[in-house]
Amino acid sequence: MNYRDVIMADPNVMLGKPVIKGTRLSVELILRKLAEGMSVSDLIAAYPNLTQDKILAVLSYSADVMSREELLAS
């Protein structure tokens, strides 16, 4: 699945943050929940609109965004 089919950004939805289409579930929320230790199964149980493919699209989108980031020297 291409993340462009799943992720959208609209200034009228969640202030333009990238979200899963048709929901108010932001990419940021999904990433934070995964970082806090939630499993994919837990996320799907907590948010019935989610599927494994949508979660994978969030990860793919995030990797694509990060690949364009410039590293800051410390």
PDB file of N, CA and C in Angstrom:
ATOM      1  N   MET A   1       0.846  -1.177   0.000  1.00  0.00           N
ATOM      2  CA  MET A   1       0.000   0.000   0.000  1.00  0.00           C
ATOM      3  C   MET A   1       0.895   1.245   0.000  1.00  0.00           C
ATOM      4  N   ASN A   2       0.574   2.191  -0.842  1.00  0.00           N
ATOM      5  CA  ASN A   2       1.286   3.460  -0.905  1.00  0.00           C
ATOM      6  C   ASN A   2       0.740   4.383   0.181  1.00  0.00           C
ATOM      7  N   TYR A   3       1.614   4.939   1.003  1.00  0.00           N
ATOM      8  CA  TYR A   3       1.129   5.781   2.097  1.00  0.00           C
ATOM      9  C   TYR A   3       0.342   6.984   1.597  1.00  0.00           C
ATOM     10  N   ARG A   4       0.560   7.395   0.379  1.00  0.00           N
ATOM     11  CA  ARG A   4      -0.187   8.538  -0.168  1.00  0.00           C
ATOM     12  C   ARG A   4      -1.681   8.216  -0.312  1.00  0.00           C
ATOM     13  N   ASP A   5      -2.006   6.941  -0.350  1.00  0.00           N
ATOM     14  CA  ASP A   5      -3.412   6.525  -0.406  1.00  0.00           C
ATOM     15  C   ASP A   5      -4.059   6.549   0.974  1.00  0.00           C
ATOM     16  N   VAL A   6      -3.250   6.670   2.021  1.00  0.00           N
ATOM     17  CA  VAL A   6      -3.737   6.542   3.392  1.00  0.00           C
ATOM     18  C   VAL A   6      -3.574   7.831   4.199  1.00  0.00           C
ATOM     19  N   ILE A   7      -2.477   8.553   3.981  1.00  0.00           N
ATOM     20  CA  ILE A   7      -2.146   9.728   4.775  1.00  0.00           C
ATOM     21  C   ILE A   7      -2.518  10.990   4.004  1.00  0.00           C
ATOM     22  N   MET A   8      -3.100  11.949   4.718  1.00  0.00           N
ATOM     23  CA  MET A   8      -3.439  13.237   4.100  1.00  0.00           C
ATOM     24  C   MET A   8      -3.163  14.359   5.085  1.00  0.00           C
ATOM     25  N   ALA A   9      -3.016  15.549   4.560  1.00  0.00           N
ATOM     26  CA  ALA A   9      -2.885  16.742   5.391  1.00  0.00           C
ATOM     27  C   ALA A   9      -3.844  17.784   4.826  1.00  0.00           C
ATOM     28  N   ASP A  10      -4.718  18.296   5.665  1.00  0.00           N
ATOM     29  CA  ASP A  10      -5.723  19.281   5.275  1.00  0.00           C
ATOM     30  C   ASP A  10      -5.764  20.334   6.378  1.00  0.00           C
ATOM     31  N   PRO A  11      -5.605  21.606   6.034  1.00  0.00           N
ATOM     32  CA  PRO A  11      -5.610  22.640   7.068  1.00  0.00           C
ATOM     33  C   PRO A  11      -6.889  22.662   7.904  1.00  0.00           C
ATOM     34  N   ASN A  12      -7.957  22.082   7.404  1.00  0.00           N
ATOM     35  CA  ASN A  12      -9.223  22.059   8.130  1.00  0.00           C
ATOM     36  C   ASN A  12      -9.362  20.846   9.056  1.00  0.00           C
ATOM     37  N   VAL A  13      -8.378  19.957   9.035  1.00  0.00           N
ATOM     38  CA  VAL A  13      -8.418  18.759   9.883  1.00  0.00           C
ATOM     39  C   VAL A  13      -7.153  18.744  10.740  1.00  0.00           C
ATOM     40  N   MET A  14      -7.321  18.776  12.034  1.00  0.00           N
ATOM     41  CA  MET A  14      -6.201  18.707  12.984  1.00  0.00           C
ATOM     42  C   MET A  14      -5.117  19.742  12.670  1.00  0.00           C
ATOM     43  N   LEU A  15      -5.555  20.928  12.266  1.00  0.00           N
ATOM     44  CA  LEU A  15      -4.635  22.044  11.978  1.00  0.00           C
ATOM     45  C   LEU A  15      -3.599  21.704  10.906  1.00  0.00           C
ATOM     46  N   GLY A  16      -3.944  20.799  10.013  1.00  0.00           N
ATOM     47  CA  GLY A  16      -3.063  20.461   8.906  1.00  0.00           C
ATOM     48  C   GLY A  16      -2.043  19.382   9.198  1.00  0.00           C
ATOM     49  N   LYS A  17      -2.094  18.804  10.403  1.00  0.00           N
ATOM     50  CA  LYS A  17      -1.175  17.703  10.697  1.00  0.00           C
ATOM     51  C   LYS A  17      -1.529  16.519   9.807  1.00  0.00           C
ATOM     52  N   PRO A  18      -0.527  15.715   9.430  1.00  0.00           N
ATOM     53  CA  PRO A  18      -0.843  14.522   8.642  1.00  0.00           C
ATOM     54  C   PRO A  18      -1.671  13.538   9.472  1.00  0.00           C
ATOM     55  N   VAL A  19      -2.756  13.075   8.877  1.00  0.00           N
ATOM     56  CA  VAL A  19      -3.679  12.150   9.540  1.00  0.00           C
ATOM     57  C   VAL A  19      -3.994  10.997   8.602  1.00  0.00           C
ATOM     58  N   ILE A  20      -4.571   9.956   9.167  1.00  0.00           N
ATOM     59  CA  ILE A  20      -5.085   8.862   8.359  1.00  0.00           C
ATOM     60  C   ILE A  20      -6.400   9.330   7.757  1.00  0.00           C
ATOM     61  N   LYS A  21      -6.509   9.226   6.450  1.00  0.00           N
ATOM     62  CA  LYS A  21      -7.697   9.709   5.739  1.00  0.00           C
ATOM     63  C   LYS A  21      -8.981   9.191   6.381  1.00  0.00           C
ATOM     64  N   GLY A  22      -9.955  10.084   6.481  1.00  0.00           N
ATOM     65  CA  GLY A  22     -11.251   9.707   7.019  1.00  0.00           C
ATOM     66  C   GLY A  22     -11.293   9.637   8.533  1.00  0.00           C
ATOM     67  N   THR A  23     -10.182  10.005   9.193  1.00  0.00           N
ATOM     68  CA  THR A  23     -10.132   9.980  10.649  1.00  0.00           C
ATOM     69  C   THR A  23      -9.488  11.268  11.152  1.00  0.00           C
ATOM     70  N   ARG A  24      -9.446  11.393  12.455  1.00  0.00           N
ATOM     71  CA  ARG A  24      -8.685  12.463  13.088  1.00  0.00           C
ATOM     72  C   ARG A  24      -7.482  11.863  13.823  1.00  0.00           C
ATOM     73  N   LEU A  25      -7.069  10.683  13.395  1.00  0.00           N
ATOM     74  CA  LEU A  25      -5.914  10.013  13.976  1.00  0.00           C
ATOM     75  C   LEU A  25      -4.658  10.512  13.270  1.00  0.00           C
ATOM     76  N   SER A  26      -3.841  11.251  14.011  1.00  0.00           N
ATOM     77  CA  SER A  26      -2.648  11.828  13.397  1.00  0.00           C
ATOM     78  C   SER A  26      -1.509  10.809  13.349  1.00  0.00           C
ATOM     79  N   VAL A  27      -0.627  11.041  12.401  1.00  0.00           N
ATOM     80  CA  VAL A  27       0.592  10.245  12.302  1.00  0.00           C
ATOM     81  C   VAL A  27       1.347  10.341  13.626  1.00  0.00           C
ATOM     82  N   GLU A  28       1.410  11.540  14.161  1.00  0.00           N
ATOM     83  CA  GLU A  28       2.102  11.756  15.437  1.00  0.00           C
ATOM     84  C   GLU A  28       1.526  10.875  16.541  1.00  0.00           C
ATOM     85  N   LEU A  29       0.208  10.808  16.654  1.00  0.00           N
ATOM     86  CA  LEU A  29      -0.430   9.989  17.687  1.00  0.00           C
ATOM     87  C   LEU A  29      -0.035   8.527  17.554  1.00  0.00           C
ATOM     88  N   ILE A  30      -0.097   8.017  16.345  1.00  0.00           N
ATOM     89  CA  ILE A  30       0.230   6.604  16.121  1.00  0.00           C
ATOM     90  C   ILE A  30       1.683   6.342  16.488  1.00  0.00           C
ATOM     91  N   LEU A  31       2.583   7.221  16.073  1.00  0.00           N
ATOM     92  CA  LEU A  31       3.995   7.044  16.397  1.00  0.00           C
ATOM     93  C   LEU A  31       4.238   7.119  17.899  1.00  0.00           C
ATOM     94  N   ARG A  32       3.583   8.051  18.577  1.00  0.00           N
ATOM     95  CA  ARG A  32       3.747   8.179  20.033  1.00  0.00           C
ATOM     96  C   ARG A  32       3.261   6.923  20.758  1.00  0.00           C
ATOM     97  N   LYS A  33       2.112   6.410  20.326  1.00  0.00           N
ATOM     98  CA  LYS A  33       1.575   5.202  20.964  1.00  0.00           C
ATOM     99  C   LYS A  33       2.519   4.018  20.758  1.00  0.00           C
ATOM    100  N   LEU A  34       3.074   3.884  19.565  1.00  0.00           N
ATOM    101  CA  LEU A  34       4.034   2.808  19.312  1.00  0.00           C
ATOM    102  C   LEU A  34       5.284   3.004  20.167  1.00  0.00           C
ATOM    103  N   ALA A  35       5.765   4.243  20.264  1.00  0.00           N
ATOM    104  CA  ALA A  35       6.952   4.533  21.068  1.00  0.00           C
ATOM    105  C   ALA A  35       6.713   4.273  22.550  1.00  0.00           C
ATOM    106  N   GLU A  36       5.465   4.420  22.999  1.00  0.00           N
ATOM    107  CA  GLU A  36       5.116   4.151  24.395  1.00  0.00           C
ATOM    108  C   GLU A  36       4.969   2.661  24.677  1.00  0.00           C
ATOM    109  N   GLY A  37       5.073   1.851  23.632  1.00  0.00           N
ATOM    110  CA  GLY A  37       5.033   0.405  23.828  1.00  0.00           C
ATOM    111  C   GLY A  37       3.745  -0.275  23.400  1.00  0.00           C
ATOM    112  N   MET A  38       2.808   0.473  22.855  1.00  0.00           N
ATOM    113  CA  MET A  38       1.587  -0.167  22.357  1.00  0.00           C
ATOM    114  C   MET A  38       1.940  -1.047  21.173  1.00  0.00           C
ATOM    115  N   SER A  39       1.328  -2.194  21.119  1.00  0.00           N
ATOM    116  CA  SER A  39       1.543  -3.075  19.971  1.00  0.00           C
ATOM    117  C   SER A  39       0.565  -2.693  18.858  1.00  0.00           C
ATOM    118  N   VAL A  40       0.825  -3.208  17.683  1.00  0.00           N
ATOM    119  CA  VAL A  40      -0.090  -2.991  16.561  1.00  0.00           C
ATOM    120  C   VAL A  40      -1.477  -3.517  16.922  1.00  0.00           C
ATOM    121  N   SER A  41      -1.530  -4.665  17.551  1.00  0.00           N
ATOM    122  CA  SER A  41      -2.820  -5.247  17.956  1.00  0.00           C
ATOM    123  C   SER A  41      -3.544  -4.349  18.953  1.00  0.00           C
ATOM    124  N   ASP A  42      -2.781  -3.786  19.913  1.00  0.00           N
ATOM    125  CA  ASP A  42      -3.374  -2.866  20.893  1.00  0.00           C
ATOM    126  C   ASP A  42      -3.951  -1.633  20.211  1.00  0.00           C
ATOM    127  N   LEU A  43      -3.202  -1.091  19.253  1.00  0.00           N
ATOM    128  CA  LEU A  43      -3.673   0.096  18.535  1.00  0.00           C
ATOM    129  C   LEU A  43      -4.961  -0.193  17.775  1.00  0.00           C
ATOM    130  N   ILE A  44      -4.997  -1.331  17.111  1.00  0.00           N
ATOM    131  CA  ILE A  44      -6.184  -1.700  16.329  1.00  0.00           C
ATOM    132  C   ILE A  44      -7.381  -1.904  17.255  1.00  0.00           C
ATOM    133  N   ALA A  45      -7.141  -2.475  18.429  1.00  0.00           N
ATOM    134  CA  ALA A  45      -8.229  -2.660  19.400  1.00  0.00           C
ATOM    135  C   ALA A  45      -8.710  -1.321  19.946  1.00  0.00           C
ATOM    136  N   ALA A  46      -7.776  -0.392  20.167  1.00  0.00           N
ATOM    137  CA  ALA A  46      -8.133   0.911  20.729  1.00  0.00           C
ATOM    138  C   ALA A  46      -8.781   1.836  19.705  1.00  0.00           C
ATOM    139  N   TYR A  47      -8.400   1.690  18.453  1.00  0.00           N
ATOM    140  CA  TYR A  47      -8.902   2.553  17.373  1.00  0.00           C
ATOM    141  C   TYR A  47      -9.415   1.667  16.242  1.00  0.00           C
ATOM    142  N   PRO A  48     -10.685   1.313  16.272  1.00  0.00           N
ATOM    143  CA  PRO A  48     -11.238   0.353  15.305  1.00  0.00           C
ATOM    144  C   PRO A  48     -11.088   0.755  13.833  1.00  0.00           C
ATOM    145  N   ASN A  49     -10.882   2.051  13.553  1.00  0.00           N
ATOM    146  CA  ASN A  49     -10.688   2.473  12.155  1.00  0.00           C
ATOM    147  C   ASN A  49      -9.304   2.115  11.631  1.00  0.00           C
ATOM    148  N   LEU A  50      -8.406   1.726  12.515  1.00  0.00           N
ATOM    149  CA  LEU A  50      -7.045   1.386  12.108  1.00  0.00           C
ATOM    150  C   LEU A  50      -6.964  -0.047  11.600  1.00  0.00           C
ATOM    151  N   THR A  51      -6.026  -0.252  10.711  1.00  0.00           N
ATOM    152  CA  THR A  51      -5.677  -1.597  10.245  1.00  0.00           C
ATOM    153  C   THR A  51      -4.152  -1.685  10.270  1.00  0.00           C
ATOM    154  N   GLN A  52      -3.646  -2.879  10.161  1.00  0.00           N
ATOM    155  CA  GLN A  52      -2.195  -3.041  10.107  1.00  0.00           C
ATOM    156  C   GLN A  52      -1.621  -2.291   8.910  1.00  0.00           C
ATOM    157  N   ASP A  53      -2.294  -2.340   7.774  1.00  0.00           N
ATOM    158  CA  ASP A  53      -1.814  -1.631   6.582  1.00  0.00           C
ATOM    159  C   ASP A  53      -1.736  -0.126   6.817  1.00  0.00           C
ATOM    160  N   LYS A  54      -2.699   0.432   7.538  1.00  0.00           N
ATOM    161  CA  LYS A  54      -2.669   1.873   7.817  1.00  0.00           C
ATOM    162  C   LYS A  54      -1.519   2.225   8.752  1.00  0.00           C
ATOM    163  N   ILE A  55      -1.257   1.375   9.712  1.00  0.00           N
ATOM    164  CA  ILE A  55      -0.133   1.614  10.626  1.00  0.00           C
ATOM    165  C   ILE A  55       1.181   1.518   9.851  1.00  0.00           C
ATOM    166  N   LEU A  56       1.298   0.563   8.957  1.00  0.00           N
ATOM    167  CA  LEU A  56       2.491   0.458   8.121  1.00  0.00           C
ATOM    168  C   LEU A  56       2.635   1.679   7.212  1.00  0.00           C
ATOM    169  N   ALA A  57       1.521   2.225   6.749  1.00  0.00           N
ATOM    170  CA  ALA A  57       1.563   3.440   5.940  1.00  0.00           C
ATOM    171  C   ALA A  57       2.088   4.618   6.766  1.00  0.00           C
ATOM    172  N   VAL A  58       1.698   4.698   8.038  1.00  0.00           N
ATOM    173  CA  VAL A  58       2.213   5.735   8.935  1.00  0.00           C
ATOM    174  C   VAL A  58       3.726   5.608   9.046  1.00  0.00           C
ATOM    175  N   LEU A  59       4.218   4.402   9.228  1.00  0.00           N
ATOM    176  CA  LEU A  59       5.664   4.190   9.348  1.00  0.00           C
ATOM    177  C   LEU A  59       6.380   4.531   8.041  1.00  0.00           C
ATOM    178  N   SER A  60       5.800   4.153   6.924  1.00  0.00           N
ATOM    179  CA  SER A  60       6.394   4.454   5.625  1.00  0.00           C
ATOM    180  C   SER A  60       6.433   5.960   5.388  1.00  0.00           C
ATOM    181  N   TYR A  61       5.353   6.643   5.690  1.00  0.00           N
ATOM    182  CA  TYR A  61       5.298   8.101   5.568  1.00  0.00           C
ATOM    183  C   TYR A  61       6.386   8.737   6.434  1.00  0.00           C
ATOM    184  N   SER A  62       6.494   8.289   7.669  1.00  0.00           N
ATOM    185  CA  SER A  62       7.470   8.846   8.604  1.00  0.00           C
ATOM    186  C   SER A  62       8.896   8.636   8.111  1.00  0.00           C
ATOM    187  N   ALA A  63       9.179   7.470   7.596  1.00  0.00           N
ATOM    188  CA  ALA A  63      10.513   7.185   7.060  1.00  0.00           C
ATOM    189  C   ALA A  63      10.812   8.091   5.874  1.00  0.00           C
ATOM    190  N   ASP A  64       9.821   8.319   5.024  1.00  0.00           N
ATOM    191  CA  ASP A  64      10.003   9.187   3.863  1.00  0.00           C
ATOM    192  C   ASP A  64      10.288  10.621   4.306  1.00  0.00           C
ATOM    193  N   VAL A  65       9.541  11.115   5.277  1.00  0.00           N
ATOM    194  CA  VAL A  65       9.757  12.465   5.789  1.00  0.00           C
ATOM    195  C   VAL A  65      11.153  12.572   6.402  1.00  0.00           C
ATOM    196  N   MET A  66      11.530  11.594   7.202  1.00  0.00           N
ATOM    197  CA  MET A  66      12.833  11.619   7.866  1.00  0.00           C
ATOM    198  C   MET A  66      13.984  11.546   6.863  1.00  0.00           C
ATOM    199  N   SER A  67      13.782  10.894   5.757  1.00  0.00           N
ATOM    200  CA  SER A  67      14.855  10.769   4.766  1.00  0.00           C
ATOM    201  C   SER A  67      15.195  12.116   4.139  1.00  0.00           C
ATOM    202  N   ARG A  68      14.310  13.082   4.278  1.00  0.00           N
ATOM    203  CA  ARG A  68      14.539  14.425   3.723  1.00  0.00           C
ATOM    204  C   ARG A  68      15.017  15.430   4.764  1.00  0.00           C
ATOM    205  N   GLU A  69      15.111  14.989   6.012  1.00  0.00           N
ATOM    206  CA  GLU A  69      15.534  15.884   7.096  1.00  0.00           C
ATOM    207  C   GLU A  69      17.041  16.114   7.038  1.00  0.00           C
ATOM    208  N   GLU A  70      17.435  17.310   7.433  1.00  0.00           N
ATOM    209  CA  GLU A  70      18.857  17.616   7.564  1.00  0.00           C
ATOM    210  C   GLU A  70      19.238  17.381   9.020  1.00  0.00           C
ATOM    211  N   LEU A  71      20.396  16.783   9.215  1.00  0.00           N
ATOM    212  CA  LEU A  71      20.871  16.534  10.562  1.00  0.00           C
ATOM    213  C   LEU A  71      21.479  17.808  11.123  1.00  0.00           C
ATOM    214  N   LEU A  72      21.188  18.060  12.386  1.00  0.00           N
ATOM    215  CA  LEU A  72      21.759  19.208  13.075  1.00  0.00           C
ATOM    216  C   LEU A  72      23.009  18.766  13.804  1.00  0.00           C
ATOM    217  N   ALA A  73      24.056  19.545  13.682  1.00  0.00           N
ATOM    218  CA  ALA A  73      25.283  19.240  14.420  1.00  0.00           C
ATOM    219  C   ALA A  73      25.059  19.520  15.895  1.00  0.00           C
ATOM    220  N   SER A  74      25.609  18.653  16.753  1.00  0.00           N
ATOM    221  CA  SER A  74      25.418  18.882  18.187  1.00  0.00           C
ATOM    222  C   SER A  74      26.502  19.730  18.781  1.00  0.00           C
TER     223      SER A  74
END
